[in-house]
PDB file of N, CA and C in Angstrom:
ATOM      1  N   GLN A   1     -81.007 168.223  46.696  1.00  0.00           N
ATOM      2  CA  GLN A   1     -81.693 166.699  46.673  1.00  0.00           C
ATOM      3  C   GLN A   1     -83.023 166.560  46.975  1.00  0.00           C
ATOM      4  N   THR A   2     -84.118 165.568  46.324  1.00  0.00           N
ATOM      5  CA  THR A   2     -85.462 165.465  47.055  1.00  0.00           C
ATOM      6  C   THR A   2     -85.408 164.025  47.640  1.00  0.00           C
ATOM      7  N   ILE A   3     -86.220 163.757  48.201  1.00  0.00           N
ATOM      8  CA  ILE A   3     -86.931 162.787  48.696  1.00  0.00           C
ATOM      9  C   ILE A   3     -87.411 161.762  47.528  1.00  0.00           C
ATOM     10  N   THR A   4     -87.286 160.477  47.091  1.00  0.00           N
ATOM     11  CA  THR A   4     -87.937 159.942  46.044  1.00  0.00           C
ATOM     12  C   THR A   4     -89.321 159.522  46.350  1.00  0.00           C
ATOM     13  N   ALA A   5     -90.092 159.470  45.714  1.00  0.00           N
ATOM     14  CA  ALA A   5     -91.476 158.733  45.598  1.00  0.00           C
ATOM     15  C   ALA A   5     -91.464 157.359  46.074  1.00  0.00           C
ATOM     16  N   GLY A   6     -92.421 156.927  46.938  1.00  0.00           N
ATOM     17  CA  GLY A   6     -92.893 155.768  47.358  1.00  0.00           C
ATOM     18  C   GLY A   6     -92.601 155.557  48.877  1.00  0.00           C
ATOM     19  N   ASP A   7     -92.219 154.641  49.594  1.00  0.00           N
ATOM     20  CA  ASP A   7     -92.215 154.520  50.945  1.00  0.00           C
ATOM     21  C   ASP A   7     -90.741 155.630  51.310  1.00  0.00           C
ATOM     22  N   ILE A   8     -91.316 156.654  51.928  1.00  0.00           N
ATOM     23  CA  ILE A   8     -90.257 157.229  52.952  1.00  0.00           C
ATOM     24  C   ILE A   8     -89.311 156.609  54.056  1.00  0.00           C
ATOM     25  N   THR A   9     -88.280 156.874  53.933  1.00  0.00           N
ATOM     26  CA  THR A   9     -87.267 155.711  54.866  1.00  0.00           C
ATOM     27  C   THR A   9     -86.419 156.800  55.660  1.00  0.00           C
ATOM     28  N   PHE A  10     -85.882 156.828  56.728  1.00  0.00           N
ATOM     29  CA  PHE A  10     -85.196 157.559  57.504  1.00  0.00           C
ATOM     30  C   PHE A  10     -83.915 157.761  56.255  1.00  0.00           C
ATOM     31  N   ASP A  11     -83.752 156.652  55.964  1.00  0.00           N
ATOM     32  CA  ASP A  11     -82.001 156.877  54.889  1.00  0.00           C
ATOM     33  C   ASP A  11     -82.472 157.823  53.932  1.00  0.00           C
ATOM     34  N   GLY A  12     -83.711 157.673  53.311  1.00  0.00           N
ATOM     35  CA  GLY A  12     -83.949 158.983  52.568  1.00  0.00           C
ATOM     36  C   GLY A  12     -84.170 160.464  52.701  1.00  0.00           C
ATOM     37  N   VAL A  13     -84.654 160.577  53.990  1.00  0.00           N
ATOM     38  CA  VAL A  13     -84.771 161.795  54.860  1.00  0.00           C
ATOM     39  C   VAL A  13     -83.441 162.337  55.135  1.00  0.00           C
ATOM     40  N   TYR A  14     -82.192 161.043  55.639  1.00  0.00           N
ATOM     41  CA  TYR A  14     -81.049 161.541  56.345  1.00  0.00           C
ATOM     42  C   TYR A  14     -80.412 161.948  54.739  1.00  0.00           C
ATOM     43  N   SER A  15     -80.538 161.200  53.219  1.00  0.00           N
ATOM     44  CA  SER A  15     -79.744 162.061  52.205  1.00  0.00           C
ATOM     45  C   SER A  15     -80.086 163.047  51.702  1.00  0.00           C
ATOM     46  N   THR A  16     -81.077 163.446  52.256  1.00  0.00           N
ATOM     47  CA  THR A  16     -81.775 164.756  51.922  1.00  0.00           C
ATOM     48  C   THR A  16     -81.495 165.769  52.622  1.00  0.00           C
ATOM     49  N   TYR A  17     -80.841 165.359  53.886  1.00  0.00           N
ATOM     50  CA  TYR A  17     -80.463 166.291  54.911  1.00  0.00           C
ATOM     51  C   TYR A  17     -79.494 165.773  55.566  1.00  0.00           C
ATOM     52  N   PRO A  18     -78.492 165.859  54.827  1.00  0.00           N
ATOM     53  CA  PRO A  18     -77.355 164.992  55.608  1.00  0.00           C
ATOM     54  C   PRO A  18     -76.608 165.721  56.665  1.00  0.00           C
ATOM     55  N   PHE A  19     -76.606 167.274  56.579  1.00  0.00           N
ATOM     56  CA  PHE A  19     -76.114 168.218  57.510  1.00  0.00           C
ATOM     57  C   PHE A  19     -76.122 167.856  58.809  1.00  0.00           C
ATOM     58  N   ASP A  20     -75.753 168.353  59.746  1.00  0.00           N
ATOM     59  CA  ASP A  20     -76.317 168.402  61.215  1.00  0.00           C
ATOM     60  C   ASP A  20     -76.239 169.513  61.364  1.00  0.00           C
ATOM     61  N   ASN A  21     -77.353 170.596  60.945  1.00  0.00           N
ATOM     62  CA  ASN A  21     -77.663 171.830  61.173  1.00  0.00           C
ATOM     63  C   ASN A  21     -78.741 171.538  62.504  1.00  0.00           C
ATOM     64  N   GLU A  22     -77.997 172.247  63.409  1.00  0.00           N
ATOM     65  CA  GLU A  22     -79.203 172.657  64.828  1.00  0.00           C
ATOM     66  C   GLU A  22     -80.111 173.628  64.133  1.00  0.00           C
ATOM     67  N   ASN A  23     -81.285 173.805  64.874  1.00  0.00           N
ATOM     68  CA  ASN A  23     -82.393 174.626  64.789  1.00  0.00           C
ATOM     69  C   ASN A  23     -82.216 175.973  65.970  1.00  0.00           C
ATOM     70  N   HIS A  24     -82.324 176.913  65.061  1.00  0.00           N
ATOM     71  CA  HIS A  24     -81.873 178.195  66.113  1.00  0.00           C
ATOM     72  C   HIS A  24     -83.049 179.148  66.184  1.00  0.00           C
ATOM     73  N   LEU A  25     -83.358 179.388  67.263  1.00  0.00           N
ATOM     74  CA  LEU A  25     -84.453 180.617  67.872  1.00  0.00           C
ATOM     75  C   LEU A  25     -83.626 181.576  67.730  1.00  0.00           C
ATOM     76  N   CYS A  26     -83.949 182.552  66.703  1.00  0.00           N
ATOM     77  CA  CYS A  26     -83.380 183.892  66.680  1.00  0.00           C
ATOM     78  C   CYS A  26     -84.248 185.162  66.586  1.00  0.00           C
ATOM     79  N   SER A  27     -83.867 186.552  66.821  1.00  0.00           N
ATOM     80  CA  SER A  27     -84.190 187.255  66.966  1.00  0.00           C
ATOM     81  C   SER A  27     -83.433 188.496  65.823  1.00  0.00           C
ATOM     82  N   ALA A  28     -84.270 189.386  65.389  1.00  0.00           N
ATOM     83  CA  ALA A  28     -83.766 190.551  64.934  1.00  0.00           C
ATOM     84  C   ALA A  28     -84.544 191.291  64.688  1.00  0.00           C
ATOM     85  N   THR A  29     -84.238 193.061  64.489  1.00  0.00           N
ATOM     86  CA  THR A  29     -85.010 193.786  64.595  1.00  0.00           C
ATOM     87  C   THR A  29     -85.723 194.056  63.340  1.00  0.00           C
ATOM     88  N   GLY A  30     -87.100 194.779  62.777  1.00  0.00           N
ATOM     89  CA  GLY A  30     -87.042 194.509  61.625  1.00  0.00           C
ATOM     90  C   GLY A  30     -86.308 195.384  60.485  1.00  0.00           C
ATOM     91  N   SER A  31     -85.454 196.288  60.843  1.00  0.00           N
ATOM     92  CA  SER A  31     -84.670 197.220  60.420  1.00  0.00           C
ATOM     93  C   SER A  31     -83.132 196.116  60.146  1.00  0.00           C
ATOM     94  N   GLU A  32     -83.131 195.559  60.861  1.00  0.00           N
ATOM     95  CA  GLU A  32     -81.971 194.419  60.551  1.00  0.00           C
ATOM     96  C   GLU A  32     -82.548 193.343  59.625  1.00  0.00           C
ATOM     97  N   LEU A  33     -83.692 192.934  59.357  1.00  0.00           N
ATOM     98  CA  LEU A  33     -83.848 192.010  58.845  1.00  0.00           C
ATOM     99  C   LEU A  33     -84.417 192.457  57.175  1.00  0.00           C
ATOM    100  N   THR A  34     -84.389 193.600  56.981  1.00  0.00           N
ATOM    101  CA  THR A  34     -84.670 194.281  56.015  1.00  0.00           C
ATOM    102  C   THR A  34     -83.185 195.124  55.160  1.00  0.00           C
ATOM    103  N   SER A  35     -82.284 194.997  56.418  1.00  0.00           N
ATOM    104  CA  SER A  35     -80.794 195.478  55.519  1.00  0.00           C
ATOM    105  C   SER A  35     -80.390 194.301  55.477  1.00  0.00           C
ATOM    106  N   MET A  36     -80.574 193.178  56.206  1.00  0.00           N
ATOM    107  CA  MET A  36     -80.164 191.381  55.542  1.00  0.00           C
ATOM    108  C   MET A  36     -80.550 191.164  54.338  1.00  0.00           C
ATOM    109  N   ALA A  37     -81.531 191.421  53.953  1.00  0.00           N
ATOM    110  CA  ALA A  37     -82.479 190.881  53.128  1.00  0.00           C
ATOM    111  C   ALA A  37     -82.129 191.939  51.876  1.00  0.00           C
ATOM    112  N   TYR A  38     -81.724 193.242  51.889  1.00  0.00           N
ATOM    113  CA  TYR A  38     -81.531 194.065  50.811  1.00  0.00           C
ATOM    114  C   TYR A  38     -79.877 193.857  50.417  1.00  0.00           C
ATOM    115  N   SER A  39     -79.487 193.183  51.510  1.00  0.00           N
ATOM    116  CA  SER A  39     -77.460 193.077  51.028  1.00  0.00           C
ATOM    117  C   SER A  39     -77.318 191.562  50.769  1.00  0.00           C
ATOM    118  N   GLY A  40     -78.396 190.911  49.815  1.00  0.00           N
ATOM    119  CA  GLY A  40     -78.557 189.822  49.290  1.00  0.00           C
ATOM    120  C   GLY A  40     -78.627 188.679  50.104  1.00  0.00           C
ATOM    121  N   ASN A  41     -79.041 188.792  51.437  1.00  0.00           N
ATOM    122  CA  ASN A  41     -79.380 187.529  51.896  1.00  0.00           C
ATOM    123  C   ASN A  41     -80.891 187.209  51.750  1.00  0.00           C
ATOM    124  N   TYR A  42     -81.091 185.946  52.010  1.00  0.00           N
ATOM    125  CA  TYR A  42     -82.845 185.344  51.613  1.00  0.00           C
ATOM    126  C   TYR A  42     -83.002 185.442  52.852  1.00  0.00           C
ATOM    127  N   VAL A  43     -84.311 186.201  52.939  1.00  0.00           N
ATOM    128  CA  VAL A  43     -85.360 186.440  54.117  1.00  0.00           C
ATOM    129  C   VAL A  43     -86.719 186.001  53.956  1.00  0.00           C
ATOM    130  N   ALA A  44     -87.133 184.970  54.130  1.00  0.00           N
ATOM    131  CA  ALA A  44     -88.285 184.124  53.896  1.00  0.00           C
ATOM    132  C   ALA A  44     -89.381 185.081  54.813  1.00  0.00           C
ATOM    133  N   THR A  45     -90.641 185.134  54.530  1.00  0.00           N
ATOM    134  CA  THR A  45     -91.812 185.452  55.738  1.00  0.00           C
ATOM    135  C   THR A  45     -92.730 184.682  55.299  1.00  0.00           C
ATOM    136  N   ASN A  46     -93.875 184.622  56.206  1.00  0.00           N
ATOM    137  CA  ASN A  46     -95.192 183.660  55.592  1.00  0.00           C
ATOM    138  C   ASN A  46     -95.794 185.010  55.348  1.00  0.00           C
ATOM    139  N   SER A  47     -97.328 184.645  54.934  1.00  0.00           N
ATOM    140  CA  SER A  47     -98.032 185.490  54.113  1.00  0.00           C
ATOM    141  C   SER A  47     -98.194 186.748  54.868  1.00  0.00           C
ATOM    142  N   ASP A  48     -98.254 186.545  56.039  1.00  0.00           N
ATOM    143  CA  ASP A  48     -98.728 187.806  56.845  1.00  0.00           C
ATOM    144  C   ASP A  48     -97.539 188.938  57.131  1.00  0.00           C
ATOM    145  N   VAL A  49     -96.365 188.832  57.019  1.00  0.00           N
ATOM    146  CA  VAL A  49     -95.346 189.537  56.696  1.00  0.00           C
ATOM    147  C   VAL A  49     -94.526 189.605  55.806  1.00  0.00           C
ATOM    148  N   ASN A  50     -94.300 190.897  55.108  1.00  0.00           N
ATOM    149  CA  ASN A  50     -93.552 191.106  54.437  1.00  0.00           C
ATOM    150  C   ASN A  50     -92.237 192.138  54.518  1.00  0.00           C
ATOM    151  N   LEU A  51     -91.082 192.058  53.905  1.00  0.00           N
ATOM    152  CA  LEU A  51     -90.475 193.240  54.067  1.00  0.00           C
ATOM    153  C   LEU A  51     -90.836 194.993  54.513  1.00  0.00           C
ATOM    154  N   TYR A  52     -91.750 194.967  53.442  1.00  0.00           N
ATOM    155  CA  TYR A  52     -92.419 196.355  53.539  1.00  0.00           C
ATOM    156  C   TYR A  52     -93.390 196.462  55.010  1.00  0.00           C
ATOM    157  N   SER A  53     -93.685 195.374  55.383  1.00  0.00           N
ATOM    158  CA  SER A  53     -94.698 195.679  57.058  1.00  0.00           C
ATOM    159  C   SER A  53     -93.578 195.486  58.065  1.00  0.00           C
ATOM    160  N   LEU A  54     -92.506 195.131  57.836  1.00  0.00           N
ATOM    161  CA  LEU A  54     -91.613 194.975  59.140  1.00  0.00           C
ATOM    162  C   LEU A  54     -91.675 196.367  59.829  1.00  0.00           C
ATOM    163  N   VAL A  55     -91.986 196.663  60.892  1.00  0.00           N
ATOM    164  CA  VAL A  55     -91.498 197.809  62.044  1.00  0.00           C
ATOM    165  C   VAL A  55     -90.177 197.857  62.263  1.00  0.00           C
ATOM    166  N   PRO A  56     -89.292 198.726  61.758  1.00  0.00           N
ATOM    167  CA  PRO A  56     -88.158 198.562  62.195  1.00  0.00           C
ATOM    168  C   PRO A  56     -87.490 198.924  63.314  1.00  0.00           C
ATOM    169  N   THR A  57     -88.069 199.159  64.209  1.00  0.00           N
ATOM    170  CA  THR A  57     -87.826 198.975  66.098  1.00  0.00           C
ATOM    171  C   THR A  57     -88.208 197.946  66.690  1.00  0.00           C
ATOM    172  N   LYS A  58     -89.209 196.897  65.759  1.00  0.00           N
ATOM    173  CA  LYS A  58     -89.832 196.035  66.694  1.00  0.00           C
ATOM    174  C   LYS A  58     -88.795 194.558  66.193  1.00  0.00           C
ATOM    175  N   THR A  59     -88.731 193.729  67.873  1.00  0.00           N
ATOM    176  CA  THR A  59     -87.838 192.552  67.456  1.00  0.00           C
ATOM    177  C   THR A  59     -88.922 191.521  66.805  1.00  0.00           C
ATOM    178  N   TYR A  60     -88.289 190.933  66.085  1.00  0.00           N
ATOM    179  CA  TYR A  60     -89.255 189.410  65.752  1.00  0.00           C
ATOM    180  C   TYR A  60     -88.234 188.438  65.621  1.00  0.00           C
ATOM    181  N   TYR A  61     -89.014 187.381  66.223  1.00  0.00           N
ATOM    182  CA  TYR A  61     -88.068 186.012  66.408  1.00  0.00           C
ATOM    183  C   TYR A  61     -88.666 184.819  65.364  1.00  0.00           C
ATOM    184  N   PHE A  62     -87.863 184.315  64.882  1.00  0.00           N
ATOM    185  CA  PHE A  62     -88.098 182.802  64.051  1.00  0.00           C
ATOM    186  C   PHE A  62     -86.749 181.916  64.275  1.00  0.00           C
ATOM    187  N   ALA A  63     -87.185 180.616  63.592  1.00  0.00           N
ATOM    188  CA  ALA A  63     -86.390 180.002  63.585  1.00  0.00           C
ATOM    189  C   ALA A  63     -85.749 179.806  62.220  1.00  0.00           C
ATOM    190  N   THR A  64     -84.141 179.044  62.567  1.00  0.00           N
ATOM    191  CA  THR A  64     -83.602 179.232  60.926  1.00  0.00           C
ATOM    192  C   THR A  64     -82.683 177.870  61.819  1.00  0.00           C
ATOM    193  N   LEU A  65     -81.519 177.688  60.463  1.00  0.00           N
ATOM    194  CA  LEU A  65     -80.460 176.563  60.846  1.00  0.00           C
ATOM    195  C   LEU A  65     -79.473 177.225  61.093  1.00  0.00           C
ATOM    196  N   SER A  66     -78.645 176.701  62.021  1.00  0.00           N
ATOM    197  CA  SER A  66     -77.452 176.793  62.310  1.00  0.00           C
ATOM    198  C   SER A  66     -76.519 177.085  61.292  1.00  0.00           C
ATOM    199  N   TYR A  67     -76.505 176.684  60.062  1.00  0.00           N
ATOM    200  CA  TYR A  67     -75.629 176.951  59.021  1.00  0.00           C
ATOM    201  C   TYR A  67     -75.627 178.488  58.611  1.00  0.00           C
ATOM    202  N   LEU A  68     -77.025 179.327  58.861  1.00  0.00           N
ATOM    203  CA  LEU A  68     -77.133 180.395  58.586  1.00  0.00           C
ATOM    204  C   LEU A  68     -76.899 181.357  59.977  1.00  0.00           C
ATOM    205  N   SER A  69     -77.208 180.774  60.757  1.00  0.00           N
ATOM    206  CA  SER A  69     -77.021 181.840  62.411  1.00  0.00           C
ATOM    207  C   SER A  69     -75.697 181.918  62.673  1.00  0.00           C
ATOM    208  N   GLU A  70     -74.776 181.028  62.014  1.00  0.00           N
ATOM    209  CA  GLU A  70     -73.514 181.073  63.004  1.00  0.00           C
ATOM    210  C   GLU A  70     -72.565 181.034  61.321  1.00  0.00           C
ATOM    211  N   GLY A  71     -73.157 180.908  60.668  1.00  0.00           N
ATOM    212  CA  GLY A  71     -72.510 181.266  59.060  1.00  0.00           C
ATOM    213  C   GLY A  71     -72.579 182.475  58.476  1.00  0.00           C
ATOM    214  N   SER A  72     -73.360 182.637  57.254  1.00  0.00           N
ATOM    215  CA  SER A  72     -73.293 183.715  56.334  1.00  0.00           C
ATOM    216  C   SER A  72     -74.151 185.198  57.511  1.00  0.00           C
ATOM    217  N   LEU A  73     -74.998 184.821  58.244  1.00  0.00           N
ATOM    218  CA  LEU A  73     -75.467 185.931  59.034  1.00  0.00           C
ATOM    219  C   LEU A  73     -74.951 185.866  60.386  1.00  0.00           C
ATOM    220  N   ALA A  74     -74.103 185.368  60.673  1.00  0.00           N
ATOM    221  CA  ALA A  74     -73.132 185.090  61.893  1.00  0.00           C
ATOM    222  C   ALA A  74     -72.982 186.871  62.561  1.00  0.00           C
ATOM    223  N   GLY A  75     -73.410 187.312  63.833  1.00  0.00           N
ATOM    224  CA  GLY A  75     -73.145 188.471  64.506  1.00  0.00           C
ATOM    225  C   GLY A  75     -74.198 189.213  63.709  1.00  0.00           C
ATOM    226  N   ARG A  76     -75.146 188.791  62.880  1.00  0.00           N
ATOM    227  CA  ARG A  76     -76.214 189.517  62.594  1.00  0.00           C
ATOM    228  C   ARG A  76     -77.471 189.320  62.984  1.00  0.00           C
ATOM    229  N   LEU A  77     -77.501 188.057  63.797  1.00  0.00           N
ATOM    230  CA  LEU A  77     -78.706 187.654  64.225  1.00  0.00           C
ATOM    231  C   LEU A  77     -78.367 187.209  65.545  1.00  0.00           C
ATOM    232  N   THR A  78     -79.462 187.538  66.618  1.00  0.00           N
ATOM    233  CA  THR A  78     -79.110 186.978  67.804  1.00  0.00           C
ATOM    234  C   THR A  78     -79.967 185.751  68.090  1.00  0.00           C
ATOM    235  N   ILE A  79     -78.802 184.414  68.654  1.00  0.00           N
ATOM    236  CA  ILE A  79     -79.345 183.521  68.542  1.00  0.00           C
ATOM    237  C   ILE A  79     -79.798 183.526  70.216  1.00  0.00           C
ATOM    238  N   GLN A  80     -81.254 183.334  70.298  1.00  0.00           N
ATOM    239  CA  GLN A  80     -82.109 183.156  71.420  1.00  0.00           C
ATOM    240  C   GLN A  80     -81.763 181.649  72.147  1.00  0.00           C
ATOM    241  N   GLN A  81     -81.917 180.477  71.588  1.00  0.00           N
ATOM    242  CA  GLN A  81     -82.105 179.244  71.865  1.00  0.00           C
ATOM    243  C   GLN A  81     -81.351 178.581  70.954  1.00  0.00           C
ATOM    244  N   ARG A  82     -80.578 176.937  71.255  1.00  0.00           N
ATOM    245  CA  ARG A  82     -80.266 176.057  70.281  1.00  0.00           C
ATOM    246  C   ARG A  82     -81.173 174.821  70.831  1.00  0.00           C
ATOM    247  N   ASP A  83     -81.157 174.271  69.555  1.00  0.00           N
ATOM    248  CA  ASP A  83     -82.209 172.786  69.426  1.00  0.00           C
ATOM    249  C   ASP A  83     -81.087 172.045  68.534  1.00  0.00           C
ATOM    250  N   THR A  84     -80.614 171.030  69.202  1.00  0.00           N
ATOM    251  CA  THR A  84     -79.869 169.833  68.542  1.00  0.00           C
ATOM    252  C   THR A  84     -80.803 168.873  67.696  1.00  0.00           C
ATOM    253  N   TYR A  85     -82.248 169.402  67.914  1.00  0.00           N
ATOM    254  CA  TYR A  85     -83.230 168.500  67.309  1.00  0.00           C
ATOM    255  C   TYR A  85     -82.983 168.723  65.659  1.00  0.00           C
ATOM    256  N   PHE A  86     -81.921 167.774  65.061  1.00  0.00           N
ATOM    257  CA  PHE A  86     -81.708 168.565  63.615  1.00  0.00           C
ATOM    258  C   PHE A  86     -83.091 168.759  62.688  1.00  0.00           C
ATOM    259  N   ILE A  87     -82.697 169.176  61.594  1.00  0.00           N
ATOM    260  CA  ILE A  87     -84.084 169.396  60.497  1.00  0.00           C
ATOM    261  C   ILE A  87     -84.454 168.242  59.801  1.00  0.00           C
ATOM    262  N   ARG A  88     -83.629 167.342  59.738  1.00  0.00           N
ATOM    263  CA  ARG A  88     -83.860 165.927  59.099  1.00  0.00           C
ATOM    264  C   ARG A  88     -84.695 165.013  60.349  1.00  0.00           C
ATOM    265  N   ASN A  89     -84.710 165.222  61.502  1.00  0.00           N
ATOM    266  CA  ASN A  89     -85.567 164.557  62.812  1.00  0.00           C
ATOM    267  C   ASN A  89     -86.902 165.383  62.612  1.00  0.00           C
ATOM    268  N   VAL A  90     -86.932 166.354  62.244  1.00  0.00           N
ATOM    269  CA  VAL A  90     -88.210 167.134  61.926  1.00  0.00           C
ATOM    270  C   VAL A  90     -89.121 166.663  61.276  1.00  0.00           C
ATOM    271  N   VAL A  91     -88.488 166.484  60.021  1.00  0.00           N
ATOM    272  CA  VAL A  91     -89.025 166.159  58.441  1.00  0.00           C
ATOM    273  C   VAL A  91     -89.456 164.569  58.982  1.00  0.00           C
ATOM    274  N   ALA A  92     -88.543 163.672  59.336  1.00  0.00           N
ATOM    275  CA  ALA A  92     -88.877 162.498  59.473  1.00  0.00           C
ATOM    276  C   ALA A  92     -89.905 162.075  60.517  1.00  0.00           C
ATOM    277  N   ASP A  93     -90.019 163.054  61.418  1.00  0.00           N
ATOM    278  CA  ASP A  93     -91.185 163.070  62.330  1.00  0.00           C
ATOM    279  C   ASP A  93     -92.523 163.420  61.520  1.00  0.00           C
ATOM    280  N   TYR A  94     -92.283 164.582  60.574  1.00  0.00           N
ATOM    281  CA  TYR A  94     -93.616 164.941  59.968  1.00  0.00           C
ATOM    282  C   TYR A  94     -94.018 163.786  58.912  1.00  0.00           C
ATOM    283  N   PHE A  95     -93.260 162.969  58.639  1.00  0.00           N
ATOM    284  CA  PHE A  95     -93.771 161.749  57.513  1.00  0.00           C
ATOM    285  C   PHE A  95     -94.232 161.005  58.407  1.00  0.00           C
ATOM    286  N   ARG A  96     -93.520 160.764  59.839  1.00  0.00           N
ATOM    287  CA  ARG A  96     -93.688 159.521  60.664  1.00  0.00           C
ATOM    288  C   ARG A  96     -95.512 159.735  61.456  1.00  0.00           C
ATOM    289  N   ASN A  97     -95.875 161.259  61.633  1.00  0.00           N
ATOM    290  CA  ASN A  97     -96.868 161.568  61.812  1.00  0.00           C
ATOM    291  C   ASN A  97     -97.831 161.608  61.008  1.00  0.00           C
ATOM    292  N   GLY A  98     -97.744 161.217  59.664  1.00  0.00           N
ATOM    293  CA  GLY A  98     -98.647 161.061  58.817  1.00  0.00           C
ATOM    294  C   GLY A  98     -98.865 162.462  57.887  1.00  0.00           C
ATOM    295  N   GLY A  99     -97.835 163.296  57.953  1.00  0.00           N
ATOM    296  CA  GLY A  99     -98.148 164.942  57.738  1.00  0.00           C
ATOM    297  C   GLY A  99     -98.390 165.787  58.476  1.00  0.00           C
ATOM    298  N   LYS A 100     -98.382 165.341  59.766  1.00  0.00           N
ATOM    299  CA  LYS A 100     -99.223 166.562  60.866  1.00  0.00           C
ATOM    300  C   LYS A 100     -98.039 166.684  61.957  1.00  0.00           C
TER     301      LYS A 100
END
């Protein structure tokens, strides 16, 4: 679902992100991330990192939603920290702060 054009309200953000997904700081080795990606799981990286540049023995830290870390990737990621500041709050604060 998308947030409709015009004034952005918390109700609009909530309807786009209705689930109480926690933000989790996770870790996995380059080998584990590559294995997850090649087994059909989506692994998104920034422009500085791609699957071909991951060092197999290096530990990578990243944020993801509890839906993934406790769902389809459960047991494959090490959860380092849990944050109950839901993704909808992150998005709402982004718009509240003028996109900063």
